[in-house]
Amino acid sequence: MLRWTNLLLSSSVLICSCISHYESAIAASDYQKVTIVYSAVAAASIITWGPKEAGIFNRYRLDVDLVYVAGSRAVTALISGEADLVQGSGGASILARLAGSDVSIIATTTNVIPMRFVTTPDITSAKDIKGKSFGVTRFGSLTDLGLRKAISQLGIDPEREVTLIQTGGEPENLMFMKQGLIKGALLSSLNVQLARDLGFRELLNLADINFRYPATVLSSTGSIIRNRPHVLNLLLRAILEGIKFSKANPTFTMEVLKKYTRITDSKALMSSYKDYVLGYIRDFPETSTIEIESALADLGRTQPKARTADPKQFFDSGPLNQLVREGFIKPASTQHAR
């Protein structure tokens, strides 16, 4: 009798275990698998790092895999089908569209160039820039565009009167400045404070000039927009909620920035939070023709197609407008935005 009782108990445990495993499998399968590629290890990426670390993607039943792919190459992962959403420069998405892909910008979270032109201490005025070498992460990148804009803003011809050197990244820009290989570069808020501590000089804040550009955007493809609108809806909800959470929780945000950037300097982290997260990331990340026209004008220097392209073909406001119709977010006219 005891043997039969033990057998029944063992069977019950096995059945319960199988049921529990089955229910867990059903729960897991209920999550939408999504890959998001981000292109910069900088404060701009808090828009995807934040909701990931705060568990907001999970609350929307999104199983999000965040992947870092540097610079303009990030959009290649989207075109190849390896990613569902890309966070990167609008210029890269526009260039991909010009080349024949169906990449579309669905949100512009930063529409200024949120960088500062920082130089070595011996550069004290515009005239000191002539004939010197300056760093960009990659030719065609946002740092390349921004540096050319900054130098021309100071009355110097960036094509003929300076030399631009490709360094590979912002940390490399700072390292090259320390080594005396370049006289300056554009730096984002995380690295600006480090540069200040080293005695470097800030000549110009690009965000203060009258220039709108799709500096950080979220891009997907026409195919995903048409075939997976529910997933994009959930992603945008989670990202917008994450932006709000990151702005309201400085300690959390600084810890996330520290984790992903590996910068431990508390002054640099706080500066990045105040300067970039609160100052530049938009609550309502709409895209307009103004930003796209700026990008097309820049690309038009080397891409003839960009000179005659219709700006409206490069972005799709549908997914964001759907959130407005659903009452999840208020339209731009009620938001404080640049």
Foldseek 3Di string as FASTA:
>chain_A
DVVVVVVVVVVVVVVVVVVVVVVVVVLLVQAAEFEEEEAALALLCLLPLQLVVVVLCVVLRYNYDYHYDHFLCQVVCQQVVVGFKYKFFLLSLVVVVLVPFQKAFQFQFFFFLQWFKWFAPVPDALVVQFAFEAEDQDVVGSQNVLVCVVNVVRVDHPVPGYHYDHQNHQVSRLVCRVVVVGGITIDHLLCVVVCVVVVIGTDGGRRPDPATASGITMMHGPVCVVPPLVVLLSSVLSSLVSLVVCLVDLVSVLVSSCVSNVDDPPVSSSRSSVRPSVPGGFSQGDDDLRRQLRSLVVCCVPDVSSVPDDSVSRHDNVSSVVCCVVVVDPDPVPGDHD
